[in-house]
């Protein structure tokens, strides 16, 4: 059953998308599953850190949002991925390590194709394929806690005003940033939402590397969230 969308919040996090997607490609793509698959892969790629950025076939199959949106099984998702590769919106490479084959996907640009060629060389190891079976996205529970659960576990009871602040933060910052900010606050024994927001704003302003948090980069210009 379809539901009406209530509109975007005043502040939200945006991701870049190739301009041709909204022109010639939009005219050409007539399969809604292919279009949804392409959009979701673009989103998944933007969640990656470092370079090169690619997603594996297993990661796409394990994505609950994509599986639900196209109302299909693993075969349906694989067909949609194949359609993207055949059209040329995505490029694909195959890597064979530890006796297991894995497909890697990236946007189809010359730079990304060169990067995938480097990934598939013997000198580059990608993950530990075969360490555990691929999850079934349409049957398993979501592994990551949502931001409300994080707040209740680490700070306290929710109020309507805090809930609005949490929703705004979820739109502005990557999920792993939010989880790490809660974790850092807990390590400092500071169970306060204002403190967590300051951590996020500091990472965005200075970069996570500057705060000893790896090589993450700010995604957007700083905007205040908390009113408290």
N, C-alpha and C. Protein backbone atom coordinates (compact mmCIF):
# COMPACT_ATOMS: atom_id res chain seq x y z
N UNK A 1 0.85 -1.18 0.00
CA UNK A 1 0.00 0.00 0.00
C UNK A 1 0.89 1.24 0.00
N UNK A 2 0.63 2.16 -0.89
CA UNK A 2 1.45 3.36 -1.00
C UNK A 2 1.09 4.33 0.13
N UNK A 3 2.09 5.10 0.54
CA UNK A 3 1.88 6.10 1.58
C UNK A 3 2.37 7.45 1.07
N UNK A 4 1.69 8.51 1.49
CA UNK A 4 2.11 9.84 1.09
C UNK A 4 3.38 10.25 1.83
N UNK A 5 4.26 10.93 1.13
CA UNK A 5 5.49 11.45 1.73
C UNK A 5 5.20 12.82 2.31
N UNK A 6 5.62 13.06 3.54
CA UNK A 6 5.29 14.30 4.24
C UNK A 6 6.22 15.46 3.92
N UNK A 7 7.16 15.24 3.02
CA UNK A 7 8.06 16.32 2.64
C UNK A 7 9.41 16.21 3.31
N UNK A 8 10.42 16.86 2.71
CA UNK A 8 11.77 16.84 3.26
C UNK A 8 11.87 17.82 4.43
N UNK A 9 12.73 17.50 5.39
CA UNK A 9 12.97 18.46 6.48
C UNK A 9 13.70 19.69 5.95
N UNK A 10 13.72 20.74 6.75
CA UNK A 10 14.39 21.97 6.32
C UNK A 10 15.88 21.75 6.09
N UNK A 11 16.48 20.84 6.89
CA UNK A 11 17.90 20.54 6.74
C UNK A 11 18.06 19.05 6.52
N UNK A 12 18.83 18.69 5.52
CA UNK A 12 19.07 17.28 5.25
C UNK A 12 20.41 17.13 4.54
N UNK A 13 20.95 15.93 4.62
CA UNK A 13 22.23 15.63 3.97
C UNK A 13 21.98 15.22 2.53
N UNK A 14 22.72 15.80 1.61
CA UNK A 14 22.60 15.48 0.19
C UNK A 14 23.81 14.69 -0.27
N UNK A 15 23.63 13.93 -1.35
CA UNK A 15 24.75 13.21 -1.95
C UNK A 15 24.83 13.60 -3.42
N UNK A 16 26.03 13.62 -4.00
CA UNK A 16 26.15 13.96 -5.41
C UNK A 16 25.66 12.82 -6.30
N UNK A 17 25.09 13.17 -7.42
CA UNK A 17 24.65 12.19 -8.42
C UNK A 17 25.03 12.71 -9.80
N UNK A 18 25.36 11.82 -10.74
CA UNK A 18 25.76 12.26 -12.08
C UNK A 18 24.63 13.03 -12.77
N UNK A 19 24.95 14.18 -13.33
CA UNK A 19 23.93 15.01 -13.99
C UNK A 19 23.20 14.28 -15.12
N UNK A 20 23.89 13.44 -15.94
CA UNK A 20 23.17 12.75 -17.03
C UNK A 20 22.03 11.86 -16.53
N UNK A 21 22.09 11.46 -15.26
CA UNK A 21 21.02 10.63 -14.71
C UNK A 21 19.67 11.33 -14.78
N UNK A 22 19.69 12.66 -14.73
CA UNK A 22 18.45 13.42 -14.73
C UNK A 22 18.09 13.95 -16.12
N UNK A 23 18.83 13.50 -17.12
CA UNK A 23 18.56 13.92 -18.50
C UNK A 23 18.39 12.74 -19.41
N UNK A 24 19.43 12.45 -20.19
CA UNK A 24 19.33 11.39 -21.20
C UNK A 24 19.07 10.03 -20.57
N UNK A 25 19.72 9.73 -19.46
CA UNK A 25 19.52 8.42 -18.85
C UNK A 25 18.11 8.25 -18.33
N UNK A 26 17.55 9.31 -17.78
CA UNK A 26 16.18 9.23 -17.28
C UNK A 26 15.20 8.92 -18.41
N UNK A 27 15.51 9.41 -19.59
CA UNK A 27 14.67 9.11 -20.75
C UNK A 27 14.84 7.65 -21.20
N UNK A 28 16.04 7.11 -21.05
CA UNK A 28 16.34 5.79 -21.59
C UNK A 28 15.95 4.64 -20.66
N UNK A 29 16.10 4.83 -19.36
CA UNK A 29 15.85 3.72 -18.42
C UNK A 29 14.35 3.53 -18.26
N UNK A 30 13.86 2.40 -18.74
CA UNK A 30 12.42 2.13 -18.68
C UNK A 30 12.07 1.03 -17.69
N UNK A 31 13.07 0.51 -16.98
CA UNK A 31 12.84 -0.53 -15.98
C UNK A 31 13.00 0.09 -14.61
N UNK A 32 11.93 0.12 -13.82
CA UNK A 32 11.97 0.79 -12.52
C UNK A 32 12.94 0.07 -11.58
N UNK A 33 13.08 -1.24 -11.69
CA UNK A 33 14.01 -1.97 -10.82
C UNK A 33 15.45 -1.55 -11.13
N UNK A 34 15.77 -1.39 -12.42
CA UNK A 34 17.11 -0.94 -12.80
C UNK A 34 17.39 0.45 -12.25
N UNK A 35 16.41 1.36 -12.37
CA UNK A 35 16.59 2.72 -11.90
C UNK A 35 16.77 2.76 -10.38
N UNK A 36 15.95 2.01 -9.65
CA UNK A 36 16.08 1.98 -8.20
C UNK A 36 17.41 1.37 -7.78
N UNK A 37 17.84 0.35 -8.48
CA UNK A 37 19.12 -0.28 -8.18
C UNK A 37 20.26 0.71 -8.38
N UNK A 38 20.24 1.44 -9.48
CA UNK A 38 21.29 2.42 -9.75
C UNK A 38 21.32 3.49 -8.67
N UNK A 39 20.16 4.02 -8.30
CA UNK A 39 20.10 5.07 -7.28
C UNK A 39 20.63 4.56 -5.94
N UNK A 40 20.26 3.34 -5.59
CA UNK A 40 20.71 2.80 -4.31
C UNK A 40 22.20 2.53 -4.31
N UNK A 41 22.74 2.04 -5.42
CA UNK A 41 24.19 1.81 -5.49
C UNK A 41 24.94 3.13 -5.38
N UNK A 42 24.43 4.19 -6.02
CA UNK A 42 25.05 5.51 -5.88
C UNK A 42 25.08 5.92 -4.41
N UNK A 43 23.98 5.68 -3.71
CA UNK A 43 23.92 6.02 -2.28
C UNK A 43 24.92 5.17 -1.49
N UNK A 44 24.97 3.87 -1.77
CA UNK A 44 25.90 2.99 -1.06
C UNK A 44 27.35 3.41 -1.29
N UNK A 45 27.67 3.81 -2.51
CA UNK A 45 29.03 4.25 -2.81
C UNK A 45 29.40 5.48 -2.00
N UNK A 46 28.42 6.36 -1.77
CA UNK A 46 28.70 7.58 -1.03
C UNK A 46 28.93 7.32 0.46
N UNK A 47 28.55 6.16 0.93
CA UNK A 47 28.78 5.81 2.34
C UNK A 47 30.19 5.26 2.57
N UNK A 48 30.90 4.99 1.48
CA UNK A 48 32.23 4.41 1.60
C UNK A 48 33.27 5.47 1.96
N UNK A 49 34.28 5.04 2.68
CA UNK A 49 35.39 5.92 3.02
C UNK A 49 36.59 5.61 2.12
N UNK A 50 37.42 6.61 1.93
CA UNK A 50 38.66 6.38 1.20
C UNK A 50 38.44 6.19 -0.29
N UNK A 51 39.46 5.68 -0.93
CA UNK A 51 39.44 5.46 -2.38
C UNK A 51 40.32 4.25 -2.68
N UNK A 52 39.93 3.39 -3.62
CA UNK A 52 38.73 3.51 -4.47
C UNK A 52 37.46 3.12 -3.72
N UNK A 53 36.34 3.62 -4.23
CA UNK A 53 35.05 3.29 -3.63
C UNK A 53 34.30 2.34 -4.55
N UNK A 54 33.89 1.23 -4.01
CA UNK A 54 33.12 0.26 -4.77
C UNK A 54 32.22 -0.48 -3.80
N UNK A 55 31.21 -1.14 -4.32
CA UNK A 55 30.36 -2.01 -3.50
C UNK A 55 30.44 -3.41 -4.08
N UNK A 56 30.34 -4.40 -3.23
CA UNK A 56 30.38 -5.78 -3.68
C UNK A 56 28.97 -6.28 -3.98
N UNK A 57 28.92 -7.35 -4.76
CA UNK A 57 27.64 -7.97 -5.08
C UNK A 57 26.93 -8.40 -3.79
N UNK A 58 27.68 -8.95 -2.86
CA UNK A 58 27.10 -9.39 -1.59
C UNK A 58 26.50 -8.23 -0.81
N UNK A 59 27.18 -7.08 -0.83
CA UNK A 59 26.66 -5.91 -0.12
C UNK A 59 25.33 -5.46 -0.71
N UNK A 60 25.24 -5.45 -2.03
CA UNK A 60 23.99 -5.02 -2.67
C UNK A 60 22.87 -6.01 -2.37
N UNK A 61 23.18 -7.31 -2.42
CA UNK A 61 22.16 -8.31 -2.10
C UNK A 61 21.68 -8.17 -0.65
N UNK A 62 22.57 -7.73 0.23
CA UNK A 62 22.24 -7.63 1.64
C UNK A 62 21.55 -6.32 2.01
N UNK A 63 21.29 -5.47 1.02
CA UNK A 63 20.69 -4.17 1.30
C UNK A 63 19.17 -4.29 1.39
N UNK A 64 18.64 -4.10 2.58
CA UNK A 64 17.21 -4.28 2.81
C UNK A 64 16.38 -3.26 2.04
N UNK A 65 16.86 -2.02 1.98
CA UNK A 65 16.09 -0.96 1.31
C UNK A 65 15.88 -1.29 -0.15
N UNK A 66 16.94 -1.72 -0.84
CA UNK A 66 16.80 -2.06 -2.25
C UNK A 66 15.90 -3.27 -2.43
N UNK A 67 16.09 -4.30 -1.60
CA UNK A 67 15.28 -5.51 -1.73
C UNK A 67 13.80 -5.20 -1.55
N UNK A 68 13.49 -4.33 -0.57
CA UNK A 68 12.10 -3.98 -0.31
C UNK A 68 11.53 -3.12 -1.43
N UNK A 69 12.34 -2.18 -1.92
CA UNK A 69 11.82 -1.22 -2.90
C UNK A 69 11.47 -1.87 -4.24
N UNK A 70 12.22 -2.91 -4.62
CA UNK A 70 11.90 -3.56 -5.90
C UNK A 70 11.08 -4.82 -5.69
N UNK A 71 10.77 -5.12 -4.41
CA UNK A 71 9.91 -6.25 -4.07
C UNK A 71 10.35 -7.53 -4.78
N UNK A 72 11.63 -7.82 -4.66
CA UNK A 72 12.16 -9.00 -5.32
C UNK A 72 13.12 -9.76 -4.44
N UNK A 73 13.61 -10.87 -4.98
CA UNK A 73 14.57 -11.68 -4.25
C UNK A 73 15.97 -11.39 -4.77
N UNK A 74 16.93 -12.22 -4.37
CA UNK A 74 18.32 -12.00 -4.78
C UNK A 74 18.47 -12.04 -6.30
N UNK A 75 17.71 -12.91 -6.96
CA UNK A 75 17.80 -12.98 -8.42
C UNK A 75 17.33 -11.68 -9.06
N UNK A 76 16.27 -11.09 -8.51
CA UNK A 76 15.76 -9.82 -9.06
C UNK A 76 16.80 -8.72 -8.92
N UNK A 77 17.45 -8.67 -7.76
CA UNK A 77 18.49 -7.66 -7.54
C UNK A 77 19.66 -7.88 -8.50
N UNK A 78 20.05 -9.13 -8.68
CA UNK A 78 21.16 -9.44 -9.59
C UNK A 78 20.84 -9.04 -11.02
N UNK A 79 19.59 -9.28 -11.43
CA UNK A 79 19.17 -8.89 -12.79
C UNK A 79 19.25 -7.37 -12.94
N UNK A 80 18.80 -6.64 -11.92
CA UNK A 80 18.84 -5.18 -11.99
C UNK A 80 20.28 -4.67 -12.05
N UNK A 81 21.17 -5.29 -11.28
CA UNK A 81 22.59 -4.92 -11.35
C UNK A 81 23.15 -5.18 -12.75
N UNK A 82 22.80 -6.34 -13.29
CA UNK A 82 23.28 -6.67 -14.64
C UNK A 82 22.78 -5.67 -15.67
N UNK A 83 21.54 -5.19 -15.51
CA UNK A 83 21.00 -4.21 -16.44
C UNK A 83 21.78 -2.90 -16.36
N UNK A 84 22.18 -2.51 -15.14
CA UNK A 84 22.98 -1.29 -14.98
C UNK A 84 24.34 -1.44 -15.68
N UNK A 85 24.95 -2.60 -15.54
CA UNK A 85 26.25 -2.83 -16.17
C UNK A 85 26.12 -2.84 -17.68
N UNK A 86 25.08 -3.51 -18.20
CA UNK A 86 24.90 -3.57 -19.66
C UNK A 86 24.61 -2.18 -20.24
N UNK A 87 23.86 -1.37 -19.52
CA UNK A 87 23.57 -0.02 -20.01
C UNK A 87 24.81 0.86 -19.94
N UNK A 88 25.69 0.55 -19.00
CA UNK A 88 26.92 1.33 -18.88
C UNK A 88 26.91 2.35 -17.77
N UNK A 89 25.91 2.32 -16.89
CA UNK A 89 25.90 3.25 -15.77
C UNK A 89 26.84 2.79 -14.66
N UNK A 90 26.98 1.46 -14.52
CA UNK A 90 27.92 0.90 -13.56
C UNK A 90 28.97 0.10 -14.29
N UNK A 91 30.17 0.05 -13.72
CA UNK A 91 31.22 -0.82 -14.24
C UNK A 91 31.44 -1.93 -13.22
N UNK A 92 31.83 -3.09 -13.69
CA UNK A 92 31.95 -4.26 -12.82
C UNK A 92 33.26 -4.97 -13.04
N UNK A 93 33.85 -5.46 -11.97
CA UNK A 93 35.06 -6.28 -12.05
C UNK A 93 34.86 -7.49 -11.16
N UNK A 94 35.55 -8.56 -11.47
CA UNK A 94 35.45 -9.80 -10.71
C UNK A 94 36.78 -10.07 -10.03
N UNK A 95 36.71 -10.37 -8.74
CA UNK A 95 37.91 -10.71 -7.99
C UNK A 95 37.74 -12.11 -7.44
N UNK A 96 38.82 -12.85 -7.44
CA UNK A 96 38.80 -14.23 -6.96
C UNK A 96 39.89 -14.39 -5.91
N UNK A 97 39.48 -14.44 -4.64
CA UNK A 97 40.43 -14.59 -3.55
C UNK A 97 39.91 -15.62 -2.57
N UNK A 98 40.82 -16.34 -2.00
CA UNK A 98 40.50 -17.41 -1.04
C UNK A 98 39.46 -18.37 -1.60
N UNK A 99 39.52 -18.57 -2.93
CA UNK A 99 38.65 -19.55 -3.56
C UNK A 99 37.22 -19.12 -3.76
N UNK A 100 36.92 -17.85 -3.53
CA UNK A 100 35.55 -17.38 -3.72
C UNK A 100 35.53 -16.18 -4.64
N UNK A 101 34.60 -16.21 -5.59
CA UNK A 101 34.48 -15.11 -6.56
C UNK A 101 33.56 -14.03 -6.00
N UNK A 102 33.94 -12.79 -6.19
CA UNK A 102 33.10 -11.66 -5.79
C UNK A 102 33.11 -10.62 -6.89
N UNK A 103 31.96 -10.01 -7.11
CA UNK A 103 31.85 -8.95 -8.11
C UNK A 103 31.87 -7.59 -7.42
N UNK A 104 32.60 -6.66 -8.01
CA UNK A 104 32.74 -5.31 -7.48
C UNK A 104 32.10 -4.33 -8.45
N UNK A 105 31.35 -3.36 -7.93
CA UNK A 105 30.66 -2.39 -8.77
C UNK A 105 31.07 -0.97 -8.40
N UNK A 106 31.20 -0.13 -9.44
CA UNK A 106 31.49 1.28 -9.24
C UNK A 106 30.80 2.05 -10.36
N UNK A 107 30.73 3.38 -10.23
CA UNK A 107 30.21 4.18 -11.33
C UNK A 107 31.10 4.01 -12.56
N UNK A 108 30.50 4.00 -13.72
CA UNK A 108 31.25 3.74 -14.95
C UNK A 108 31.91 5.02 -15.45
N UNK A 109 33.07 5.31 -14.90
CA UNK A 109 33.91 6.39 -15.39
C UNK A 109 35.30 5.81 -15.66
N UNK A 110 36.09 6.50 -16.45
CA UNK A 110 37.44 6.00 -16.73
C UNK A 110 38.25 5.87 -15.44
N UNK A 111 38.09 6.84 -14.55
CA UNK A 111 38.85 6.80 -13.30
C UNK A 111 38.46 5.59 -12.46
N UNK A 112 37.16 5.32 -12.36
CA UNK A 112 36.71 4.19 -11.53
C UNK A 112 37.10 2.86 -12.18
N UNK A 113 37.08 2.79 -13.51
CA UNK A 113 37.50 1.55 -14.17
C UNK A 113 38.98 1.27 -13.92
N UNK A 114 39.78 2.32 -13.94
CA UNK A 114 41.20 2.13 -13.63
C UNK A 114 41.38 1.69 -12.18
N UNK A 115 40.58 2.27 -11.30
CA UNK A 115 40.67 1.91 -9.89
C UNK A 115 40.28 0.45 -9.67
N UNK A 116 39.21 0.00 -10.33
CA UNK A 116 38.81 -1.40 -10.19
C UNK A 116 39.86 -2.34 -10.75
N UNK A 117 40.53 -1.90 -11.83
CA UNK A 117 41.60 -2.73 -12.38
C UNK A 117 42.71 -2.91 -11.36
N UNK A 118 42.99 -1.86 -10.56
CA UNK A 118 43.99 -1.98 -9.51
C UNK A 118 43.53 -2.87 -8.38
N UNK A 119 42.23 -2.80 -8.07
CA UNK A 119 41.68 -3.62 -7.00
C UNK A 119 41.77 -5.10 -7.34
N UNK A 120 41.57 -5.43 -8.59
CA UNK A 120 41.56 -6.84 -8.99
C UNK A 120 42.95 -7.41 -9.18
N UNK A 121 44.00 -6.58 -8.99
CA UNK A 121 45.35 -7.10 -9.09
C UNK A 121 45.66 -7.95 -7.87
N UNK A 122 46.67 -8.79 -7.97
CA UNK A 122 47.04 -9.69 -6.89
C UNK A 122 47.50 -8.95 -5.64
N UNK A 123 47.96 -7.70 -5.84
CA UNK A 123 48.52 -6.96 -4.71
C UNK A 123 47.45 -6.36 -3.81
N UNK A 124 46.21 -6.39 -4.24
CA UNK A 124 45.13 -5.73 -3.49
C UNK A 124 44.21 -6.79 -2.91
N UNK A 125 44.05 -6.77 -1.60
CA UNK A 125 43.18 -7.73 -0.93
C UNK A 125 41.91 -7.02 -0.51
N UNK A 126 40.76 -7.55 -0.88
CA UNK A 126 39.48 -6.93 -0.56
C UNK A 126 38.74 -7.81 0.41
N UNK A 127 38.77 -7.43 1.67
CA UNK A 127 37.96 -8.13 2.65
C UNK A 127 38.41 -9.56 2.88
N UNK A 128 37.53 -10.31 3.52
CA UNK A 128 37.79 -11.72 3.81
C UNK A 128 36.60 -12.52 3.31
N UNK A 129 36.52 -12.69 2.02
CA UNK A 129 35.39 -13.38 1.44
C UNK A 129 35.35 -14.81 1.96
N UNK A 130 34.18 -15.27 2.22
CA UNK A 130 34.01 -16.63 2.68
C UNK A 130 34.07 -16.76 4.18
N UNK A 131 34.30 -15.65 4.90
CA UNK A 131 34.40 -15.73 6.35
C UNK A 131 33.05 -16.05 6.96
N UNK A 132 31.98 -15.59 6.35
CA UNK A 132 30.65 -15.86 6.86
C UNK A 132 29.67 -15.82 5.70
N UNK A 133 28.54 -16.49 5.79
CA UNK A 133 27.60 -16.48 4.68
C UNK A 133 26.98 -15.11 4.49
N UNK A 134 26.62 -14.79 3.25
CA UNK A 134 25.98 -13.52 2.96
C UNK A 134 24.62 -13.46 3.64
N UNK A 135 24.25 -12.32 4.25
CA UNK A 135 22.97 -12.23 4.94
C UNK A 135 21.81 -12.23 3.97
N UNK A 136 20.65 -12.63 4.45
CA UNK A 136 19.43 -12.58 3.66
C UNK A 136 18.72 -11.28 3.99
N UNK A 137 18.75 -10.27 3.10
CA UNK A 137 18.30 -8.93 3.47
C UNK A 137 16.83 -8.84 3.78
N UNK A 138 16.01 -9.71 3.20
CA UNK A 138 14.57 -9.58 3.41
C UNK A 138 14.07 -10.40 4.58
N UNK A 139 14.97 -11.12 5.28
CA UNK A 139 14.55 -11.93 6.42
C UNK A 139 15.21 -11.52 7.73
N UNK A 140 16.39 -10.94 7.66
CA UNK A 140 17.14 -10.64 8.87
C UNK A 140 16.73 -9.30 9.46
N UNK A 141 17.04 -9.13 10.73
CA UNK A 141 16.78 -7.86 11.39
C UNK A 141 17.88 -6.86 11.03
N UNK A 142 17.55 -5.57 11.12
CA UNK A 142 18.55 -4.55 10.90
C UNK A 142 19.59 -4.62 12.01
N UNK A 143 20.86 -4.71 11.65
CA UNK A 143 21.90 -4.92 12.64
C UNK A 143 22.22 -3.65 13.42
N UNK A 144 22.18 -2.50 12.77
CA UNK A 144 22.57 -1.27 13.43
C UNK A 144 21.39 -0.69 14.21
N UNK A 145 21.63 -0.22 15.43
CA UNK A 145 20.55 0.43 16.17
C UNK A 145 20.21 1.77 15.55
N UNK A 146 18.93 2.15 15.60
CA UNK A 146 18.60 3.46 15.07
C UNK A 146 18.98 4.53 16.08
N UNK A 147 18.88 5.78 15.68
CA UNK A 147 19.38 6.86 16.51
C UNK A 147 18.57 7.02 17.78
N UNK A 148 17.28 6.67 17.75
CA UNK A 148 16.47 6.75 18.97
C UNK A 148 16.93 5.72 19.99
N UNK A 149 17.23 4.50 19.51
CA UNK A 149 17.71 3.46 20.41
C UNK A 149 19.06 3.85 21.00
N UNK A 150 19.93 4.45 20.18
CA UNK A 150 21.22 4.90 20.68
C UNK A 150 21.05 5.93 21.78
N UNK A 151 20.13 6.87 21.57
CA UNK A 151 19.90 7.91 22.57
C UNK A 151 19.39 7.31 23.87
N UNK A 152 18.39 6.44 23.76
CA UNK A 152 17.81 5.86 24.97
C UNK A 152 18.80 4.99 25.72
N UNK A 153 19.70 4.32 24.98
CA UNK A 153 20.69 3.45 25.62
C UNK A 153 21.82 4.23 26.27
N UNK A 154 22.14 5.39 25.70
CA UNK A 154 23.33 6.11 26.14
C UNK A 154 23.04 7.41 26.88
N UNK A 155 21.85 7.97 26.71
CA UNK A 155 21.55 9.26 27.33
C UNK A 155 20.36 9.17 28.28
N UNK A 156 19.19 8.80 27.75
CA UNK A 156 18.02 8.74 28.61
C UNK A 156 16.74 8.69 27.81
N UNK A 157 15.65 9.04 28.46
CA UNK A 157 14.34 8.98 27.82
C UNK A 157 14.20 10.07 26.76
N UNK A 158 13.46 9.73 25.71
CA UNK A 158 13.23 10.67 24.62
C UNK A 158 12.12 11.65 24.97
N UNK A 159 12.26 12.86 24.49
CA UNK A 159 11.17 13.84 24.51
C UNK A 159 10.87 14.22 23.06
N UNK A 160 9.71 14.77 22.77
CA UNK A 160 9.40 15.15 21.39
C UNK A 160 10.42 16.12 20.79
N UNK A 161 10.92 17.07 21.60
CA UNK A 161 11.88 18.04 21.08
C UNK A 161 13.22 17.37 20.76
N UNK A 162 13.65 16.46 21.64
CA UNK A 162 14.89 15.73 21.37
C UNK A 162 14.73 14.84 20.14
N UNK A 163 13.55 14.24 19.99
CA UNK A 163 13.30 13.38 18.82
C UNK A 163 13.49 14.17 17.53
N UNK A 164 13.03 15.41 17.51
CA UNK A 164 13.21 16.26 16.31
C UNK A 164 14.69 16.51 16.06
N UNK A 165 15.46 16.76 17.13
CA UNK A 165 16.89 16.98 16.98
C UNK A 165 17.59 15.73 16.44
N UNK A 166 17.17 14.57 16.92
CA UNK A 166 17.77 13.32 16.47
C UNK A 166 17.49 13.08 14.99
N UNK A 167 16.27 13.37 14.56
CA UNK A 167 15.92 13.20 13.14
C UNK A 167 16.77 14.12 12.28
N UNK A 168 16.96 15.37 12.73
CA UNK A 168 17.79 16.31 11.97
C UNK A 168 19.22 15.81 11.86
N UNK A 169 19.77 15.29 12.96
CA UNK A 169 21.14 14.78 12.94
C UNK A 169 21.27 13.59 12.01
N UNK A 170 20.25 12.75 11.98
CA UNK A 170 20.28 11.56 11.12
C UNK A 170 20.32 11.94 9.66
N UNK A 171 19.71 13.08 9.31
CA UNK A 171 19.73 13.54 7.92
C UNK A 171 21.05 14.22 7.56
N UNK A 172 21.72 14.79 8.55
CA UNK A 172 22.90 15.59 8.29
C UNK A 172 24.20 14.80 8.33
N UNK A 173 24.26 13.73 9.12
CA UNK A 173 25.52 13.04 9.34
C UNK A 173 25.41 11.56 8.99
N UNK A 174 26.51 10.95 8.52
CA UNK A 174 26.51 9.51 8.24
C UNK A 174 26.24 8.70 9.52
N UNK A 175 25.65 7.53 9.34
CA UNK A 175 25.29 6.69 10.47
C UNK A 175 26.49 6.35 11.34
N UNK A 176 27.63 6.04 10.70
CA UNK A 176 28.79 5.64 11.50
C UNK A 176 29.32 6.80 12.33
N UNK A 177 29.20 8.04 11.82
CA UNK A 177 29.61 9.20 12.61
C UNK A 177 28.76 9.30 13.87
N UNK A 178 27.46 9.14 13.72
CA UNK A 178 26.55 9.26 14.86
C UNK A 178 26.85 8.19 15.90
N UNK A 179 27.03 6.95 15.43
CA UNK A 179 27.33 5.86 16.35
C UNK A 179 28.64 6.12 17.09
N UNK A 180 29.66 6.58 16.36
CA UNK A 180 30.95 6.84 16.98
C UNK A 180 30.89 8.01 17.96
N UNK A 181 30.05 9.01 17.64
CA UNK A 181 29.91 10.15 18.56
C UNK A 181 29.26 9.72 19.87
N UNK A 182 28.24 8.88 19.79
CA UNK A 182 27.64 8.34 21.01
C UNK A 182 28.67 7.54 21.80
N UNK A 183 29.47 6.75 21.07
CA UNK A 183 30.46 5.91 21.72
C UNK A 183 31.52 6.76 22.43
N UNK A 184 31.97 7.83 21.75
CA UNK A 184 32.99 8.69 22.36
C UNK A 184 32.44 9.39 23.59
N UNK A 185 31.19 9.84 23.51
CA UNK A 185 30.58 10.49 24.68
C UNK A 185 30.49 9.53 25.85
N UNK A 186 30.13 8.28 25.55
CA UNK A 186 30.03 7.28 26.62
C UNK A 186 31.39 7.02 27.23
N UNK A 187 32.44 6.96 26.41
CA UNK A 187 33.79 6.74 26.93
C UNK A 187 34.24 7.87 27.84
N UNK A 188 33.77 9.08 27.52
CA UNK A 188 34.09 10.25 28.35
C UNK A 188 33.13 10.39 29.53
N UNK A 189 32.18 9.44 29.61
CA UNK A 189 31.18 9.46 30.68
C UNK A 189 30.36 10.74 30.67
N UNK A 190 30.09 11.26 29.46
CA UNK A 190 29.25 12.44 29.30
C UNK A 190 28.01 12.01 28.54
N UNK A 191 26.91 11.87 29.24
CA UNK A 191 25.67 11.39 28.63
C UNK A 191 24.75 12.58 28.40
N UNK A 192 25.11 13.34 27.37
CA UNK A 192 24.42 14.60 27.10
C UNK A 192 24.35 14.81 25.59
N UNK A 193 23.16 15.08 25.06
CA UNK A 193 22.98 15.24 23.62
C UNK A 193 23.76 16.44 23.08
N UNK A 194 23.82 17.52 23.85
CA UNK A 194 24.55 18.69 23.39
C UNK A 194 26.02 18.35 23.16
N UNK A 195 26.59 17.55 24.04
CA UNK A 195 27.99 17.14 23.90
C UNK A 195 28.17 16.30 22.65
N UNK A 196 27.25 15.41 22.36
CA UNK A 196 27.33 14.55 21.17
C UNK A 196 27.27 15.39 19.90
N UNK A 197 26.38 16.39 19.89
CA UNK A 197 26.27 17.28 18.73
C UNK A 197 27.58 18.04 18.52
N UNK A 198 28.18 18.47 19.61
CA UNK A 198 29.46 19.19 19.48
C UNK A 198 30.55 18.30 18.88
N UNK A 199 30.53 17.03 19.24
CA UNK A 199 31.48 16.08 18.64
C UNK A 199 31.27 16.02 17.13
N UNK A 200 30.02 15.86 16.72
CA UNK A 200 29.70 15.76 15.28
C UNK A 200 30.10 17.04 14.54
N UNK A 201 29.77 18.19 15.13
CA UNK A 201 30.11 19.46 14.49
C UNK A 201 31.62 19.65 14.40
N UNK A 202 32.34 19.18 15.43
CA UNK A 202 33.80 19.28 15.40
C UNK A 202 34.40 18.41 14.31
N UNK A 203 33.88 17.19 14.15
CA UNK A 203 34.36 16.31 13.10
C UNK A 203 34.11 16.90 11.72
N UNK A 204 32.94 17.51 11.57
CA UNK A 204 32.59 18.08 10.27
C UNK A 204 33.43 19.31 9.97
N UNK A 205 33.67 20.11 10.99
CA UNK A 205 34.42 21.35 10.80
C UNK A 205 35.90 21.09 10.59
N UNK A 206 36.48 20.17 11.37
CA UNK A 206 37.92 19.96 11.36
C UNK A 206 38.35 18.69 10.63
N UNK A 207 37.39 17.81 10.34
CA UNK A 207 37.73 16.51 9.78
C UNK A 207 37.98 15.53 10.89
N UNK A 208 37.57 14.29 10.68
CA UNK A 208 37.70 13.29 11.74
C UNK A 208 39.16 12.96 12.02
N UNK A 209 40.02 13.09 10.98
CA UNK A 209 41.43 12.81 11.19
C UNK A 209 42.04 13.76 12.20
N UNK A 210 41.56 15.00 12.20
CA UNK A 210 42.09 15.99 13.13
C UNK A 210 41.73 15.66 14.56
N UNK A 211 40.66 14.88 14.74
CA UNK A 211 40.24 14.48 16.08
C UNK A 211 40.64 13.04 16.39
N UNK A 212 41.55 12.47 15.57
CA UNK A 212 41.99 11.11 15.82
C UNK A 212 40.95 10.08 15.46
N UNK A 213 40.11 10.36 14.46
CA UNK A 213 39.02 9.46 14.10
C UNK A 213 39.15 8.97 12.67
N UNK A 214 40.37 8.69 12.23
CA UNK A 214 40.54 8.13 10.89
C UNK A 214 40.61 9.20 9.83
N UNK A 215 40.27 8.83 8.59
CA UNK A 215 40.46 9.70 7.44
C UNK A 215 39.16 10.29 6.92
N UNK A 216 38.12 10.31 7.72
CA UNK A 216 36.86 10.86 7.26
C UNK A 216 36.98 12.34 6.96
N UNK A 217 36.20 12.81 6.02
CA UNK A 217 36.21 14.21 5.64
C UNK A 217 34.85 14.83 5.96
N UNK A 218 34.82 16.15 6.23
CA UNK A 218 33.53 16.82 6.41
C UNK A 218 32.68 16.68 5.16
N UNK A 219 31.38 16.50 5.33
CA UNK A 219 30.49 16.32 4.19
C UNK A 219 29.81 17.61 3.77
N UNK A 220 29.72 18.59 4.68
CA UNK A 220 28.95 19.77 4.36
C UNK A 220 29.41 20.89 5.29
N UNK A 221 28.97 22.13 5.02
CA UNK A 221 29.30 23.22 5.91
C UNK A 221 28.53 23.07 7.22
N UNK A 222 29.16 23.48 8.28
CA UNK A 222 28.58 23.25 9.60
C UNK A 222 27.28 24.01 9.77
N UNK A 223 26.30 23.33 10.33
CA UNK A 223 25.04 23.94 10.71
C UNK A 223 24.71 23.45 12.11
N UNK A 224 24.24 24.34 12.94
CA UNK A 224 23.90 23.99 14.30
C UNK A 224 22.63 23.12 14.30
N UNK A 225 22.64 22.11 15.16
CA UNK A 225 21.47 21.26 15.33
C UNK A 225 20.80 21.53 16.66
N UNK A 226 21.59 21.40 17.73
CA UNK A 226 20.99 21.43 19.06
C UNK A 226 20.62 22.83 19.46
N UNK A 227 19.46 22.95 20.09
CA UNK A 227 19.04 24.22 20.64
C UNK A 227 19.22 24.25 22.15
N UNK A 228 19.88 23.25 22.70
CA UNK A 228 19.93 23.11 24.16
C UNK A 228 21.33 23.44 24.68
